[in-house]
Amino acid sequence: MVCSSFDLPKSFFIHSNLETVILEKVSLSLEDVPLDARLVCLKSLHLFLVRFSSDESVERLLSRCRVLEDLVVGRSSFTNVMVFTIDVPTLWRLTIDNSSRPEGVHGFVI
């Protein structure tokens, strides 16, 4: 059980020169991902114990990563996304740890 987490600050989306980001125990809502967010340099993204407000939050975050090559997703009971949609044409490597998938979670669309 995860006892605490923090919200991802909006300033995260301002630093467009980030190449690698590892998020762990973070809450992210659709509103947290600004429509004009651009993570244009982000090549590697690791999502561990990330609580998204909706399935659409995942899609919006990944759509802002224009050059993403490496994506690692670790799911757990903390993760509440029912269908994790990965639509990233630049992706070269995808690692999924779905071993502790919560009940009712349906999986991935790639």
N, C-alpha and C. Protein backbone atom coordinates (compact mmCIF):
# COMPACT_ATOMS: atom_id res chain seq x y z
N MET A 1 0.83 -1.18 0.00
CA MET A 1 0.00 0.00 0.00
C MET A 1 0.88 1.25 0.00
N VAL A 2 0.53 2.19 -0.84
CA VAL A 2 1.26 3.45 -0.89
C VAL A 2 0.56 4.41 0.05
N CYS A 3 1.31 4.95 0.99
CA CYS A 3 0.72 5.82 2.01
C CYS A 3 0.76 7.29 1.65
N SER A 4 1.65 7.67 0.77
CA SER A 4 1.74 9.09 0.43
C SER A 4 2.19 9.25 -1.00
N SER A 5 1.89 10.40 -1.55
CA SER A 5 2.34 10.74 -2.89
C SER A 5 2.37 12.25 -2.99
N PHE A 6 2.80 12.76 -4.11
CA PHE A 6 2.75 14.20 -4.31
C PHE A 6 2.23 14.48 -5.70
N ASP A 7 1.70 15.66 -5.88
CA ASP A 7 1.20 16.07 -7.18
C ASP A 7 2.35 16.61 -8.01
N LEU A 8 2.35 16.28 -9.26
CA LEU A 8 3.38 16.76 -10.17
C LEU A 8 3.19 18.26 -10.40
N PRO A 9 4.22 19.06 -10.16
CA PRO A 9 4.06 20.51 -10.33
C PRO A 9 3.91 20.88 -11.80
N LYS A 10 3.14 21.93 -12.06
CA LYS A 10 2.93 22.39 -13.43
C LYS A 10 4.25 22.84 -14.07
N SER A 11 5.20 23.24 -13.26
CA SER A 11 6.49 23.68 -13.80
C SER A 11 7.23 22.54 -14.52
N PHE A 12 6.87 21.32 -14.23
CA PHE A 12 7.46 20.17 -14.92
C PHE A 12 7.35 20.31 -16.43
N PHE A 13 6.25 20.85 -16.90
CA PHE A 13 5.98 20.95 -18.33
C PHE A 13 6.69 22.13 -18.99
N ILE A 14 7.29 22.99 -18.19
CA ILE A 14 8.00 24.16 -18.72
C ILE A 14 9.42 23.79 -19.14
N HIS A 15 10.00 22.81 -18.49
CA HIS A 15 11.40 22.42 -18.72
C HIS A 15 11.49 21.50 -19.92
N SER A 16 11.43 22.08 -21.09
CA SER A 16 11.38 21.28 -22.31
C SER A 16 12.72 20.65 -22.68
N ASN A 17 13.79 20.94 -21.92
CA ASN A 17 15.08 20.36 -22.23
C ASN A 17 15.34 19.04 -21.49
N LEU A 18 14.37 18.55 -20.74
CA LEU A 18 14.53 17.28 -20.04
C LEU A 18 14.58 16.13 -21.04
N GLU A 19 15.55 15.22 -20.88
CA GLU A 19 15.67 14.08 -21.78
C GLU A 19 15.21 12.78 -21.13
N THR A 20 15.34 12.69 -19.81
CA THR A 20 14.94 11.49 -19.07
C THR A 20 14.16 11.92 -17.84
N VAL A 21 13.01 11.29 -17.63
CA VAL A 21 12.19 11.58 -16.46
C VAL A 21 11.73 10.26 -15.87
N ILE A 22 11.90 10.13 -14.57
CA ILE A 22 11.40 8.96 -13.83
C ILE A 22 10.40 9.49 -12.81
N LEU A 23 9.15 9.10 -12.97
CA LEU A 23 8.10 9.51 -12.05
C LEU A 23 7.72 8.33 -11.17
N GLU A 24 7.71 8.56 -9.88
CA GLU A 24 7.33 7.50 -8.94
C GLU A 24 6.49 8.12 -7.83
N LYS A 25 5.37 7.47 -7.54
CA LYS A 25 4.44 7.94 -6.50
C LYS A 25 3.98 9.36 -6.79
N VAL A 26 3.49 9.58 -8.00
CA VAL A 26 3.03 10.89 -8.44
C VAL A 26 1.56 10.79 -8.83
N SER A 27 0.80 11.83 -8.53
CA SER A 27 -0.58 11.94 -8.99
C SER A 27 -0.61 12.92 -10.15
N LEU A 28 -1.33 12.55 -11.20
CA LEU A 28 -1.38 13.39 -12.39
C LEU A 28 -2.81 13.41 -12.92
N SER A 29 -3.37 14.61 -13.02
CA SER A 29 -4.72 14.73 -13.56
C SER A 29 -4.65 15.31 -14.97
N LEU A 30 -5.73 15.16 -15.69
CA LEU A 30 -5.81 15.69 -17.05
C LEU A 30 -5.54 17.19 -17.05
N GLU A 31 -6.03 17.86 -16.03
CA GLU A 31 -5.84 19.30 -15.92
C GLU A 31 -4.38 19.67 -15.66
N ASP A 32 -3.61 18.74 -15.10
CA ASP A 32 -2.20 18.99 -14.82
C ASP A 32 -1.35 19.05 -16.09
N VAL A 33 -1.83 18.43 -17.15
CA VAL A 33 -1.09 18.42 -18.41
C VAL A 33 -1.66 19.53 -19.29
N PRO A 34 -1.01 20.67 -19.32
CA PRO A 34 -1.55 21.79 -20.09
C PRO A 34 -1.65 21.45 -21.58
N LEU A 35 -2.63 22.03 -22.24
CA LEU A 35 -2.81 21.79 -23.67
C LEU A 35 -1.60 22.23 -24.47
N ASP A 36 -0.88 23.24 -23.97
CA ASP A 36 0.29 23.73 -24.68
C ASP A 36 1.60 23.13 -24.16
N ALA A 37 1.52 22.09 -23.35
CA ALA A 37 2.73 21.44 -22.82
C ALA A 37 3.52 20.83 -23.97
N ARG A 38 4.84 20.97 -23.88
CA ARG A 38 5.70 20.40 -24.90
C ARG A 38 6.93 19.81 -24.23
N LEU A 39 7.05 18.53 -24.25
CA LEU A 39 8.23 17.87 -23.72
C LEU A 39 9.03 17.39 -24.93
N VAL A 40 9.55 18.35 -25.69
CA VAL A 40 10.12 18.07 -27.00
C VAL A 40 11.45 17.34 -26.97
N CYS A 41 12.14 17.32 -25.85
CA CYS A 41 13.43 16.64 -25.74
C CYS A 41 13.33 15.31 -24.99
N LEU A 42 12.17 15.02 -24.44
CA LEU A 42 12.03 13.83 -23.58
C LEU A 42 12.13 12.56 -24.40
N LYS A 43 13.20 11.78 -24.15
CA LYS A 43 13.43 10.54 -24.88
C LYS A 43 13.14 9.31 -24.03
N SER A 44 13.21 9.45 -22.71
CA SER A 44 13.01 8.30 -21.83
C SER A 44 12.07 8.70 -20.68
N LEU A 45 10.99 7.94 -20.52
CA LEU A 45 10.00 8.21 -19.48
C LEU A 45 9.70 6.91 -18.75
N HIS A 46 9.84 6.95 -17.43
CA HIS A 46 9.54 5.81 -16.58
C HIS A 46 8.39 6.21 -15.66
N LEU A 47 7.35 5.42 -15.66
CA LEU A 47 6.16 5.69 -14.83
C LEU A 47 5.98 4.55 -13.83
N PHE A 48 6.29 4.81 -12.57
CA PHE A 48 6.15 3.82 -11.51
C PHE A 48 5.17 4.37 -10.46
N LEU A 49 4.13 3.64 -10.17
CA LEU A 49 3.16 4.04 -9.16
C LEU A 49 2.59 5.42 -9.46
N VAL A 50 2.26 5.69 -10.70
CA VAL A 50 1.68 6.97 -11.08
C VAL A 50 0.17 6.83 -11.09
N ARG A 51 -0.49 7.71 -10.35
CA ARG A 51 -1.96 7.71 -10.29
C ARG A 51 -2.46 8.81 -11.21
N PHE A 52 -3.08 8.38 -12.31
CA PHE A 52 -3.66 9.32 -13.26
C PHE A 52 -5.12 9.53 -12.92
N SER A 53 -5.63 10.72 -13.22
CA SER A 53 -7.04 11.00 -12.92
C SER A 53 -7.98 10.28 -13.86
N SER A 54 -7.48 9.92 -15.04
CA SER A 54 -8.32 9.25 -16.04
C SER A 54 -7.43 8.60 -17.09
N ASP A 55 -8.03 7.75 -17.89
CA ASP A 55 -7.30 7.14 -19.00
C ASP A 55 -6.80 8.22 -19.97
N GLU A 56 -7.58 9.29 -20.13
CA GLU A 56 -7.21 10.37 -21.03
C GLU A 56 -5.97 11.12 -20.57
N SER A 57 -5.71 11.13 -19.27
CA SER A 57 -4.51 11.79 -18.75
C SER A 57 -3.25 11.13 -19.29
N VAL A 58 -3.27 9.82 -19.40
CA VAL A 58 -2.13 9.09 -19.96
C VAL A 58 -1.93 9.50 -21.42
N GLU A 59 -3.00 9.49 -22.18
CA GLU A 59 -2.92 9.84 -23.59
C GLU A 59 -2.40 11.26 -23.79
N ARG A 60 -2.88 12.19 -22.98
CA ARG A 60 -2.44 13.58 -23.12
C ARG A 60 -0.96 13.72 -22.78
N LEU A 61 -0.52 13.08 -21.70
CA LEU A 61 0.89 13.15 -21.32
C LEU A 61 1.77 12.59 -22.43
N LEU A 62 1.46 11.41 -22.92
CA LEU A 62 2.30 10.78 -23.93
C LEU A 62 2.27 11.54 -25.26
N SER A 63 1.16 12.18 -25.57
CA SER A 63 1.07 12.94 -26.83
C SER A 63 1.96 14.18 -26.80
N ARG A 64 2.36 14.62 -25.62
CA ARG A 64 3.24 15.79 -25.49
C ARG A 64 4.71 15.41 -25.61
N CYS A 65 4.99 14.13 -25.64
CA CYS A 65 6.37 13.63 -25.73
C CYS A 65 6.66 13.30 -27.19
N ARG A 66 7.09 14.27 -27.94
CA ARG A 66 7.19 14.17 -29.40
C ARG A 66 8.34 13.30 -29.90
N VAL A 67 9.37 13.07 -29.06
CA VAL A 67 10.52 12.26 -29.50
C VAL A 67 10.78 11.09 -28.55
N LEU A 68 9.77 10.68 -27.82
CA LEU A 68 9.93 9.61 -26.82
C LEU A 68 10.37 8.31 -27.49
N GLU A 69 11.45 7.73 -26.98
CA GLU A 69 11.99 6.49 -27.53
C GLU A 69 11.87 5.32 -26.56
N ASP A 70 11.88 5.59 -25.28
CA ASP A 70 11.91 4.55 -24.26
C ASP A 70 10.83 4.83 -23.22
N LEU A 71 9.91 3.90 -23.05
CA LEU A 71 8.83 4.05 -22.07
C LEU A 71 8.80 2.82 -21.18
N VAL A 72 8.83 3.06 -19.88
CA VAL A 72 8.73 1.98 -18.89
C VAL A 72 7.49 2.27 -18.04
N VAL A 73 6.61 1.28 -17.94
CA VAL A 73 5.38 1.44 -17.17
C VAL A 73 5.33 0.33 -16.12
N GLY A 74 5.24 0.72 -14.87
CA GLY A 74 5.07 -0.22 -13.77
C GLY A 74 3.70 0.00 -13.14
N ARG A 75 2.84 -0.99 -13.21
CA ARG A 75 1.49 -0.83 -12.67
C ARG A 75 1.39 -1.50 -11.30
N SER A 76 0.47 -0.99 -10.51
CA SER A 76 0.22 -1.54 -9.18
C SER A 76 -1.20 -1.17 -8.78
N SER A 77 -1.57 -1.48 -7.56
CA SER A 77 -2.90 -1.11 -7.08
C SER A 77 -3.04 0.40 -6.97
N PHE A 78 -1.93 1.12 -6.92
CA PHE A 78 -1.95 2.59 -6.88
C PHE A 78 -2.37 3.15 -8.25
N THR A 79 -2.03 2.43 -9.31
CA THR A 79 -2.34 2.87 -10.67
C THR A 79 -3.81 2.59 -10.95
N ASN A 80 -4.53 3.61 -11.39
CA ASN A 80 -5.98 3.47 -11.55
C ASN A 80 -6.46 3.56 -12.99
N VAL A 81 -5.58 3.50 -13.96
CA VAL A 81 -5.96 3.59 -15.36
C VAL A 81 -6.51 2.23 -15.81
N MET A 82 -7.69 2.24 -16.40
CA MET A 82 -8.32 1.00 -16.85
C MET A 82 -7.66 0.47 -18.13
N VAL A 83 -7.54 1.33 -19.12
CA VAL A 83 -6.89 0.97 -20.38
C VAL A 83 -5.77 1.98 -20.62
N PHE A 84 -4.56 1.49 -20.62
CA PHE A 84 -3.37 2.33 -20.78
C PHE A 84 -3.06 2.41 -22.26
N THR A 85 -3.40 3.54 -22.90
CA THR A 85 -3.22 3.71 -24.34
C THR A 85 -1.85 4.33 -24.62
N ILE A 86 -1.08 3.63 -25.46
CA ILE A 86 0.26 4.10 -25.82
C ILE A 86 0.27 4.31 -27.33
N ASP A 87 0.18 5.57 -27.74
CA ASP A 87 0.19 5.95 -29.15
C ASP A 87 1.36 6.89 -29.35
N VAL A 88 2.55 6.31 -29.48
CA VAL A 88 3.79 7.07 -29.58
C VAL A 88 4.58 6.54 -30.78
N PRO A 89 4.47 7.18 -31.93
CA PRO A 89 5.13 6.69 -33.14
C PRO A 89 6.65 6.61 -33.06
N THR A 90 7.28 7.42 -32.20
CA THR A 90 8.74 7.44 -32.10
C THR A 90 9.30 6.39 -31.14
N LEU A 91 8.42 5.63 -30.49
CA LEU A 91 8.85 4.68 -29.45
C LEU A 91 9.68 3.54 -30.03
N TRP A 92 10.84 3.28 -29.43
CA TRP A 92 11.70 2.16 -29.81
C TRP A 92 11.61 1.03 -28.81
N ARG A 93 11.51 1.37 -27.51
CA ARG A 93 11.50 0.36 -26.45
C ARG A 93 10.31 0.61 -25.53
N LEU A 94 9.63 -0.46 -25.22
CA LEU A 94 8.51 -0.41 -24.28
C LEU A 94 8.68 -1.54 -23.29
N THR A 95 8.71 -1.18 -22.01
CA THR A 95 8.80 -2.17 -20.94
C THR A 95 7.58 -2.01 -20.06
N ILE A 96 6.86 -3.11 -19.85
CA ILE A 96 5.64 -3.08 -19.05
C ILE A 96 5.76 -4.10 -17.93
N ASP A 97 5.57 -3.64 -16.70
CA ASP A 97 5.46 -4.53 -15.56
C ASP A 97 4.00 -4.49 -15.12
N ASN A 98 3.28 -5.51 -15.50
CA ASN A 98 1.84 -5.60 -15.23
C ASN A 98 1.58 -6.70 -14.20
N SER A 99 2.61 -7.07 -13.45
CA SER A 99 2.51 -8.23 -12.56
C SER A 99 1.58 -8.00 -11.38
N SER A 100 1.43 -6.75 -10.94
CA SER A 100 0.53 -6.50 -9.81
C SER A 100 -0.64 -5.62 -10.26
N ARG A 101 -1.22 -6.02 -11.37
CA ARG A 101 -2.33 -5.27 -11.96
C ARG A 101 -3.53 -5.29 -11.03
N PRO A 102 -4.12 -4.13 -10.79
CA PRO A 102 -5.29 -4.07 -9.92
C PRO A 102 -6.51 -4.73 -10.57
N GLU A 103 -7.44 -5.16 -9.74
CA GLU A 103 -8.66 -5.80 -10.23
C GLU A 103 -9.46 -4.82 -11.08
N GLY A 104 -9.98 -5.30 -12.19
CA GLY A 104 -10.79 -4.47 -13.07
C GLY A 104 -10.01 -3.72 -14.13
N VAL A 105 -8.69 -3.74 -14.05
CA VAL A 105 -7.86 -3.06 -15.05
C VAL A 105 -7.81 -3.96 -16.29
N HIS A 106 -8.01 -3.34 -17.44
CA HIS A 106 -8.16 -4.12 -18.66
C HIS A 106 -6.89 -4.30 -19.46
N GLY A 107 -5.90 -3.47 -19.29
CA GLY A 107 -4.65 -3.70 -20.00
C GLY A 107 -4.16 -2.51 -20.78
N PHE A 108 -3.62 -2.80 -21.97
CA PHE A 108 -2.92 -1.81 -22.78
C PHE A 108 -3.43 -1.82 -24.20
N VAL A 109 -3.40 -0.65 -24.83
CA VAL A 109 -3.61 -0.51 -26.26
C VAL A 109 -2.37 0.15 -26.79
N ILE A 110 -1.69 -0.53 -27.70
CA ILE A 110 -0.41 -0.01 -28.22
C ILE A 110 -0.55 0.21 -29.72
